[in-house]
Amino acid sequence: MTRQKALRRGVGVAAVASALAVGTALPAMAGGTGGTGGTGWSSHGGPGHGGTRTAMDTAVRTEGLPGMIATAREGHDSWTTAIGTADTTTGRPRSTRERFRIGSVTKMFVATVVLQLQAEGRLDLDDTVDRWLPGVVSGNGNDGSAITVRQLLNHTSGLFAYDDDPGMATVLFTPQFLSRRYDTYTPQELVRIAVSHPPVFTPGAKREYSNTNYILAGMIVAEVTGHPYGAEIERRIIRPLGLGGTSVPGTATTVPGPHARGYSKLFGGSPTPLDTTELNPSTAGAAGEIISTTDDLTRFLSALMRGRLLPQAESDEMLTTEGPGGLGIGGGTLSCGVAVWGHDGGIHGSSTLALTTRDGRHAVAFNTNADWFTGKLELAEAEFCG
């Protein structure tokens, strides 16, 4: 197993149950220490959530994180808090209004759009990849006529993860990243990297997380609609829900303000944190490029669970617990018996967790401006079980 695959499996909430299929746009981070964490609190809302605040404080202190922010939504009430620093050079504190890169939480947005297209009769989850992208997945044993859209969304395609390619791993996970961070990669280039390798397994044989799946899903959305996948997310999700802090940046290298500085250990490639705030997110694309806020993510999750974005049939398909599990989302049960759905995400300088109950009445989103955070399970337990 490569270092990247091993790290990808080390995602906190996935330990709750194997069915809770969370992941990252780039491999999930290994544990680590280093950096400086502030201790100042800024919180708004009721007197509850003390356990969550304590868990956040503990995580920042023990893992050497710069800072962390969170928003929780319960019915008509909301709570938000910030701890630590947004900029370790100036000491500027984190703010709950900040925007950040959400990594693989992007996949929930992409899967929602694909399911909307099925509800409109414009595609079917059981369409093959070749039906929409003929010849794109071919060679070295790869066969787009044997892979369905559903298998892309639930990670059972068997396609090699392009970010596990040795050349891409050098670009992404070694100090070379600092000189290559502004490079642009098209979705087609990323898929070509993936299919230069044989498939990892026969389509449908098992489930294994691969960012290649969602690069292809974004390409299929573009082929079906005639618009970039990001434009469809904006039209179908961002604008209708009024998610004013959410955007699909494409190749833009900056994060709109307000935002924290992002700090990265290059997923094990650097012993000390590096400032990676600016980067070209085309290396993540539809697998993880979206920028958002904790407030917007809780609004999105609540709307998704309450049927504002999908008809019942498509919602049921998205949230299936049969076979390999959900489409673009994972579900599991915490130690206190509370069932949660959601996704996590990591990308250079940012780590995010977004979870909700099935009825959408209780949703929470966390972000730390560092990519080596490992304690996501503890945050989930504190919020839903505390």
Protein backbone atom coordinates (compact mmCIF):
# COMPACT_ATOMS: atom_id res chain seq x y z
CA MET A 1 0.00 0.00 0.00
CA THR A 2 1.37 3.43 -0.91
CA ARG A 3 1.88 6.13 1.70
CA GLN A 4 -0.96 8.11 0.15
CA LYS A 5 -3.45 5.26 0.31
CA ALA A 6 -2.48 4.47 3.87
CA LEU A 7 -3.05 8.07 4.87
CA ARG A 8 -6.34 8.26 3.04
CA ARG A 9 -7.68 5.46 5.20
CA GLY A 10 -6.75 7.30 8.38
CA VAL A 11 -9.80 9.58 8.45
CA GLY A 12 -11.21 10.16 11.91
CA VAL A 13 -14.94 9.55 11.57
CA ALA A 14 -14.42 6.54 9.35
CA ALA A 15 -13.53 4.73 12.56
CA VAL A 16 -17.16 5.06 13.67
CA ALA A 17 -18.25 2.48 11.14
CA SER A 18 -16.86 1.29 7.85
CA ALA A 19 -20.06 2.54 6.20
CA LEU A 20 -19.23 6.14 7.07
CA ALA A 21 -17.46 6.81 3.80
CA VAL A 22 -15.59 10.02 4.39
CA GLY A 23 -12.41 11.00 2.62
CA THR A 24 -10.26 13.78 1.30
CA ALA A 25 -9.61 15.58 -1.94
CA LEU A 26 -5.99 14.80 -1.38
CA PRO A 27 -4.98 12.03 1.03
CA ALA A 28 -6.06 12.45 4.63
CA MET A 29 -3.38 13.71 6.91
CA ALA A 30 -1.21 11.74 9.26
CA GLY A 31 -1.08 12.82 12.87
CA GLY A 32 1.58 15.29 13.85
CA THR A 33 2.69 18.05 16.13
CA GLY A 34 4.33 21.36 15.53
CA GLY A 35 3.19 24.82 14.69
CA THR A 36 1.70 27.20 17.23
CA GLY A 37 -1.86 27.19 18.43
CA GLY A 38 -3.63 30.14 19.98
CA THR A 39 -5.97 29.80 22.92
CA GLY A 40 -8.38 32.70 22.53
CA TRP A 41 -12.08 31.93 22.18
CA SER A 42 -14.75 33.78 20.27
CA SER A 43 -18.18 32.21 20.42
CA HIS A 44 -21.77 33.20 19.73
CA GLY A 45 -24.96 31.41 20.66
CA GLY A 46 -26.42 29.69 23.66
CA PRO A 47 -24.63 28.26 26.68
CA GLY A 48 -24.51 24.70 25.29
CA HIS A 49 -21.83 22.99 23.23
CA GLY A 50 -19.36 23.06 26.10
CA GLY A 51 -18.13 19.58 25.22
CA THR A 52 -17.56 20.62 21.63
CA ARG A 53 -15.60 23.70 22.69
CA THR A 54 -13.47 21.56 24.99
CA ALA A 55 -12.80 19.01 22.22
CA MET A 56 -11.75 21.77 19.85
CA ASP A 57 -9.46 23.34 22.44
CA THR A 58 -7.90 19.96 23.17
CA ALA A 59 -7.33 19.27 19.47
CA VAL A 60 -5.65 22.62 18.86
CA ARG A 61 -3.37 22.19 21.86
CA THR A 62 -2.42 18.52 21.45
CA GLU A 63 -1.99 18.48 17.66
CA GLY A 64 -0.31 21.85 17.34
CA LEU A 65 -3.02 23.29 15.10
CA PRO A 66 -3.08 27.03 14.37
CA GLY A 67 -6.81 27.43 14.95
CA MET A 68 -10.27 25.99 14.46
CA ILE A 69 -13.79 27.24 13.77
CA ALA A 70 -17.18 25.56 14.00
CA THR A 71 -20.87 26.15 13.36
CA ALA A 72 -23.67 23.95 14.68
CA ARG A 73 -27.30 24.24 13.64
CA GLU A 74 -30.08 22.71 15.75
CA GLY A 75 -33.59 23.41 14.51
CA HIS A 76 -33.93 27.19 14.41
CA ASP A 77 -30.94 27.78 16.66
CA SER A 78 -27.31 28.08 15.66
CA TRP A 79 -24.01 28.27 17.51
CA THR A 80 -20.63 29.26 16.19
CA THR A 81 -17.18 29.56 17.71
CA ALA A 82 -13.55 30.25 16.81
CA ILE A 83 -10.33 29.34 18.58
CA GLY A 84 -6.68 30.03 17.92
CA THR A 85 -4.95 31.92 15.15
CA ALA A 86 -5.68 32.64 11.51
CA ASP A 87 -2.14 33.86 10.90
CA THR A 88 0.74 32.53 12.99
CA THR A 89 2.99 35.41 11.93
CA THR A 90 0.72 38.25 13.04
CA GLY A 91 -1.27 36.38 15.69
CA ARG A 92 -4.56 37.41 14.06
CA PRO A 93 -7.32 35.27 15.62
CA ARG A 94 -9.58 33.00 13.63
CA SER A 95 -13.07 34.27 12.83
CA THR A 96 -16.27 32.30 12.27
CA ARG A 97 -16.88 34.34 9.12
CA GLU A 98 -13.84 32.92 7.33
CA ARG A 99 -13.92 31.06 4.03
CA PHE A 100 -11.73 28.01 3.51
CA ARG A 101 -11.03 25.17 1.09
CA ILE A 102 -13.34 22.25 1.93
CA GLY A 103 -11.48 19.45 0.10
CA SER A 104 -13.52 16.31 -0.45
CA VAL A 105 -16.63 17.75 1.18
CA THR A 106 -16.97 18.96 -2.44
CA LYS A 107 -18.05 15.44 -3.36
CA MET A 108 -21.41 15.87 -1.62
CA PHE A 109 -22.16 18.84 -3.87
CA VAL A 110 -21.12 16.97 -7.02
CA ALA A 111 -23.13 13.87 -6.14
CA THR A 112 -26.19 16.05 -5.45
CA VAL A 113 -26.00 17.57 -8.93
CA VAL A 114 -25.62 14.14 -10.56
CA LEU A 115 -28.69 12.89 -8.69
CA GLN A 116 -30.63 15.98 -9.71
CA LEU A 117 -29.81 15.18 -13.33
CA GLN A 118 -31.11 11.66 -12.84
CA ALA A 119 -34.32 13.04 -11.32
CA GLU A 120 -34.72 15.19 -14.44
CA GLY A 121 -34.28 12.16 -16.68
CA ARG A 122 -31.11 13.53 -18.23
CA LEU A 123 -28.88 10.66 -17.13
CA ASP A 124 -29.16 7.42 -15.18
CA LEU A 125 -26.89 6.21 -12.42
CA ASP A 126 -26.56 2.95 -14.29
CA ASP A 127 -25.32 4.66 -17.46
CA THR A 128 -21.78 3.65 -18.29
CA VAL A 129 -18.97 6.16 -18.28
CA ASP A 130 -18.54 5.48 -22.01
CA ARG A 131 -22.16 6.54 -22.57
CA TRP A 132 -21.10 10.11 -21.75
CA LEU A 133 -17.33 10.08 -22.15
CA PRO A 134 -16.60 7.59 -24.93
CA GLY A 135 -13.00 6.41 -25.00
CA VAL A 136 -11.88 8.58 -22.07
CA VAL A 137 -11.42 5.62 -19.72
CA SER A 138 -9.49 3.10 -21.77
CA GLY A 139 -6.14 1.37 -22.02
CA ASN A 140 -4.06 -0.60 -19.53
CA GLY A 141 -7.09 -2.72 -18.69
CA ASN A 142 -9.35 0.25 -17.98
CA ASP A 143 -12.77 0.04 -19.64
CA GLY A 144 -15.31 2.86 -19.39
CA SER A 145 -18.00 0.59 -20.81
CA ALA A 146 -17.75 -1.57 -17.68
CA ILE A 147 -18.00 1.28 -15.14
CA THR A 148 -21.27 3.02 -14.22
CA VAL A 149 -21.94 6.50 -12.94
CA ARG A 150 -23.15 4.91 -9.69
CA GLN A 151 -19.79 3.18 -9.30
CA LEU A 152 -18.03 6.52 -9.64
CA LEU A 153 -20.16 8.04 -6.89
CA ASN A 154 -19.75 5.14 -4.45
CA HIS A 155 -16.06 4.50 -5.20
CA THR A 156 -16.49 0.99 -6.58
CA SER A 157 -15.10 1.73 -10.05
CA GLY A 158 -11.66 0.25 -9.36
CA LEU A 159 -9.98 3.20 -11.07
CA PHE A 160 -6.48 4.13 -9.93
CA ALA A 161 -6.32 7.35 -7.88
CA TYR A 162 -4.41 9.88 -9.98
CA ASP A 163 -2.88 11.42 -6.85
CA ASP A 164 -1.22 8.07 -6.09
CA ASP A 165 0.77 8.32 -9.32
CA PRO A 166 4.45 8.74 -8.36
CA GLY A 167 4.86 11.85 -10.48
CA MET A 168 1.76 13.51 -9.05
CA ALA A 169 2.73 12.45 -5.53
CA THR A 170 6.06 14.23 -5.97
CA VAL A 171 4.25 17.39 -7.08
CA LEU A 172 1.70 17.25 -4.28
CA PHE A 173 3.45 15.76 -1.27
CA THR A 174 7.09 16.89 -1.35
CA PRO A 175 8.69 20.35 -1.10
CA GLN A 176 8.35 20.55 -4.89
CA PHE A 177 4.77 21.57 -4.19
CA LEU A 178 5.92 25.08 -3.30
CA SER A 179 7.25 25.65 -6.82
CA ARG A 180 4.42 23.75 -8.54
CA ARG A 181 1.43 25.03 -6.56
CA TYR A 182 0.29 27.35 -9.36
CA ASP A 183 0.30 24.67 -12.10
CA THR A 184 -2.98 24.03 -13.92
CA TYR A 185 -4.25 20.52 -14.59
CA THR A 186 -7.30 19.85 -16.72
CA PRO A 187 -9.71 17.06 -15.75
CA GLN A 188 -8.66 15.23 -18.91
CA GLU A 189 -5.02 15.34 -17.84
CA LEU A 190 -5.85 13.95 -14.41
CA VAL A 191 -7.85 11.10 -15.93
CA ARG A 192 -5.03 10.31 -18.36
CA ILE A 193 -2.68 10.02 -15.38
CA ALA A 194 -5.11 7.63 -13.69
CA VAL A 195 -5.65 5.37 -16.71
CA SER A 196 -1.92 5.16 -17.37
CA HIS A 197 -2.15 2.65 -14.52
CA PRO A 198 -4.12 -0.61 -14.53
CA PRO A 199 -7.34 -0.64 -12.49
CA VAL A 200 -6.96 -1.52 -8.83
CA PHE A 201 -9.80 -4.07 -9.01
CA THR A 202 -12.67 -5.17 -11.23
CA PRO A 203 -15.51 -2.62 -11.26
CA GLY A 204 -18.00 -3.38 -8.51
CA ALA A 205 -15.77 -5.90 -6.73
CA LYS A 206 -15.25 -3.71 -3.68
CA ARG A 207 -15.06 -0.12 -2.50
CA GLU A 208 -11.84 1.89 -2.49
CA TYR A 209 -11.68 5.67 -2.35
CA SER A 210 -10.35 7.28 -5.53
CA ASN A 211 -10.43 10.96 -6.42
CA THR A 212 -10.43 9.94 -10.09
CA ASN A 213 -14.08 8.95 -9.69
CA TYR A 214 -15.20 12.50 -8.99
CA ILE A 215 -13.04 14.09 -11.65
CA LEU A 216 -15.00 11.89 -14.07
CA ALA A 217 -18.31 12.72 -12.39
CA GLY A 218 -17.62 16.41 -12.93
CA MET A 219 -16.79 15.75 -16.58
CA ILE A 220 -20.07 13.87 -17.00
CA VAL A 221 -22.05 16.76 -15.49
CA ALA A 222 -20.41 19.06 -18.04
CA GLU A 223 -21.19 16.68 -20.91
CA VAL A 224 -24.84 16.25 -19.90
CA THR A 225 -25.57 19.93 -19.24
CA GLY A 226 -23.20 21.70 -21.58
CA HIS A 227 -21.87 23.72 -18.63
CA PRO A 228 -18.88 23.27 -16.31
CA TYR A 229 -19.79 21.26 -13.25
CA GLY A 230 -19.04 24.30 -11.07
CA ALA A 231 -21.57 26.41 -12.95
CA GLU A 232 -24.21 23.73 -12.30
CA ILE A 233 -23.37 23.66 -8.59
CA GLU A 234 -23.72 27.44 -8.48
CA ARG A 235 -27.04 27.39 -10.35
CA ARG A 236 -28.57 24.41 -8.57
CA ILE A 237 -27.23 24.67 -5.01
CA ILE A 238 -25.28 27.82 -4.16
CA ARG A 239 -27.74 30.42 -5.45
CA PRO A 240 -31.00 28.70 -4.42
CA LEU A 241 -29.73 28.18 -0.86
CA GLY A 242 -28.12 31.62 -0.63
CA LEU A 243 -24.69 30.21 0.22
CA GLY A 244 -22.91 33.53 -0.02
CA GLY A 245 -19.56 32.21 1.21
CA THR A 246 -19.41 29.25 -1.18
CA SER A 247 -17.69 29.23 -4.57
CA VAL A 248 -16.07 26.94 -7.11
CA PRO A 249 -12.73 28.62 -7.83
CA GLY A 250 -11.57 26.74 -10.94
CA THR A 251 -7.96 27.81 -11.39
CA ALA A 252 -8.11 30.89 -9.13
CA THR A 253 -5.27 30.61 -6.61
CA THR A 254 -6.57 32.82 -3.82
CA VAL A 255 -9.32 32.36 -1.23
CA PRO A 256 -11.86 35.21 -1.11
CA GLY A 257 -11.78 37.19 2.12
CA PRO A 258 -12.13 36.92 4.95
CA HIS A 259 -9.93 33.84 5.31
CA ALA A 260 -7.18 32.37 7.45
CA ARG A 261 -3.70 31.44 6.29
CA GLY A 262 -3.47 27.73 5.52
CA TYR A 263 -0.62 25.62 6.91
CA SER A 264 0.53 22.29 5.49
CA LYS A 265 3.00 19.55 6.35
CA LEU A 266 2.52 18.24 2.79
CA PHE A 267 0.76 15.15 4.17
CA GLY A 268 3.96 13.87 5.74
CA GLY A 269 6.32 15.44 3.22
CA SER A 270 7.46 18.28 5.47
CA PRO A 271 8.44 18.09 9.15
CA THR A 272 7.33 21.67 9.78
CA PRO A 273 4.22 23.59 8.67
CA LEU A 274 4.45 25.62 5.46
CA ASP A 275 2.15 28.42 4.36
CA THR A 276 0.14 27.01 1.45
CA THR A 277 -2.72 29.51 1.43
CA GLU A 278 -2.34 30.17 -2.29
CA LEU A 279 -2.60 27.23 -4.66
CA ASN A 280 -4.24 26.27 -7.93
CA PRO A 281 -7.03 23.86 -6.91
CA SER A 282 -7.29 22.30 -10.37
CA THR A 283 -5.29 19.36 -8.96
CA ALA A 284 -8.42 18.59 -6.92
CA GLY A 285 -11.12 19.76 -9.33
CA ALA A 286 -14.51 18.12 -8.85
CA ALA A 287 -12.92 15.86 -6.23
CA GLY A 288 -12.25 18.74 -3.86
CA GLU A 289 -11.87 22.34 -5.03
CA ILE A 290 -14.86 24.14 -3.44
CA ILE A 291 -14.44 27.02 -0.99
CA SER A 292 -17.09 27.54 1.70
CA THR A 293 -17.83 28.52 5.31
CA THR A 294 -18.98 26.51 8.32
CA ASP A 295 -22.34 28.31 8.24
CA ASP A 296 -22.89 27.53 4.55
CA LEU A 297 -21.98 23.87 5.03
CA THR A 298 -24.54 23.40 7.79
CA ARG A 299 -27.17 25.13 5.65
CA PHE A 300 -26.33 22.83 2.74
CA LEU A 301 -26.54 19.68 4.85
CA SER A 302 -29.82 20.69 6.45
CA ALA A 303 -31.34 21.49 3.06
CA LEU A 304 -30.09 18.22 1.58
CA MET A 305 -31.60 16.13 4.36
CA ARG A 306 -34.89 18.01 4.38
CA GLY A 307 -35.57 17.36 0.69
CA ARG A 308 -34.90 20.85 -0.66
CA LEU A 309 -32.35 19.60 -3.18
CA LEU A 310 -33.43 16.08 -4.15
CA PRO A 311 -36.72 14.23 -4.66
CA GLN A 312 -37.35 11.36 -2.25
CA ALA A 313 -36.25 8.64 -4.67
CA GLU A 314 -32.87 10.24 -5.35
CA SER A 315 -32.39 11.10 -1.68
CA ASP A 316 -32.96 7.45 -0.81
CA GLU A 317 -30.39 6.40 -3.40
CA MET A 318 -27.86 8.90 -2.11
CA LEU A 319 -28.30 7.76 1.49
CA THR A 320 -28.42 4.03 0.89
CA THR A 321 -26.79 1.85 3.51
CA GLU A 322 -26.90 -1.24 1.31
CA GLY A 323 -23.85 -2.66 -0.43
CA PRO A 324 -21.01 -0.14 -0.57
CA GLY A 325 -23.12 2.59 1.01
CA GLY A 326 -23.93 6.19 0.15
CA LEU A 327 -23.30 8.21 -2.99
CA GLY A 328 -20.94 11.10 -2.26
CA ILE A 329 -21.77 10.86 1.42
CA GLY A 330 -21.18 8.42 4.26
CA GLY A 331 -23.30 7.33 7.19
CA GLY A 332 -22.42 5.77 10.51
CA THR A 333 -23.45 5.51 14.14
CA LEU A 334 -21.56 7.21 16.95
CA SER A 335 -20.85 5.59 20.32
CA CYS A 336 -23.96 7.15 21.84
CA GLY A 337 -26.19 5.62 19.16
CA VAL A 338 -26.72 8.81 17.13
CA ALA A 339 -26.64 8.15 13.38
CA VAL A 340 -24.84 10.81 11.34
CA TRP A 341 -24.23 11.46 7.64
CA GLY A 342 -21.59 13.59 6.03
CA HIS A 343 -18.08 13.85 4.64
CA ASP A 344 -14.70 15.17 5.60
CA GLY A 345 -12.04 16.76 3.47
CA GLY A 346 -8.39 17.68 3.48
CA ILE A 347 -6.43 19.79 1.05
CA HIS A 348 -3.15 21.65 1.51
CA GLY A 349 -3.62 23.94 4.50
CA SER A 350 -7.18 23.01 5.40
CA SER A 351 -9.11 20.19 7.05
CA THR A 352 -12.92 20.13 7.24
CA LEU A 353 -15.65 17.94 8.70
CA ALA A 354 -19.37 18.35 7.95
CA LEU A 355 -21.99 16.08 9.56
CA THR A 356 -25.74 15.98 10.09
CA THR A 357 -28.49 13.83 11.51
CA ARG A 358 -30.79 12.18 8.97
CA ASP A 359 -33.61 14.64 9.60
CA GLY A 360 -31.30 17.59 9.06
CA ARG A 361 -32.26 19.15 12.41
CA HIS A 362 -28.75 18.93 13.83
CA ALA A 363 -25.82 19.74 11.55
CA VAL A 364 -22.26 20.80 12.33
CA ALA A 365 -19.19 21.84 10.37
CA PHE A 366 -15.62 22.23 11.62
CA ASN A 367 -12.53 23.64 9.93
CA THR A 368 -8.91 23.89 10.97
CA ASN A 369 -6.41 25.87 8.91
CA ALA A 370 -3.98 22.94 8.95
CA ASP A 371 -3.92 19.61 7.12
CA TRP A 372 -2.45 17.27 9.75
CA PHE A 373 -5.51 17.06 12.02
CA THR A 374 -6.51 13.52 13.05
CA GLY A 375 -9.12 14.04 15.80
CA LYS A 376 -12.32 14.36 13.78
CA LEU A 377 -14.03 11.46 15.52
CA GLU A 378 -13.58 13.19 18.87
CA LEU A 379 -15.24 16.35 17.52
CA ALA A 380 -18.20 14.38 16.20
CA GLU A 381 -18.64 12.53 19.46
CA ALA A 382 -18.44 15.75 21.46
CA GLU A 383 -21.06 17.53 19.35
CA PHE A 384 -23.62 14.76 18.92
CA CYS A 385 -23.06 12.75 22.11
CA GLY A 386 -21.99 15.42 24.60
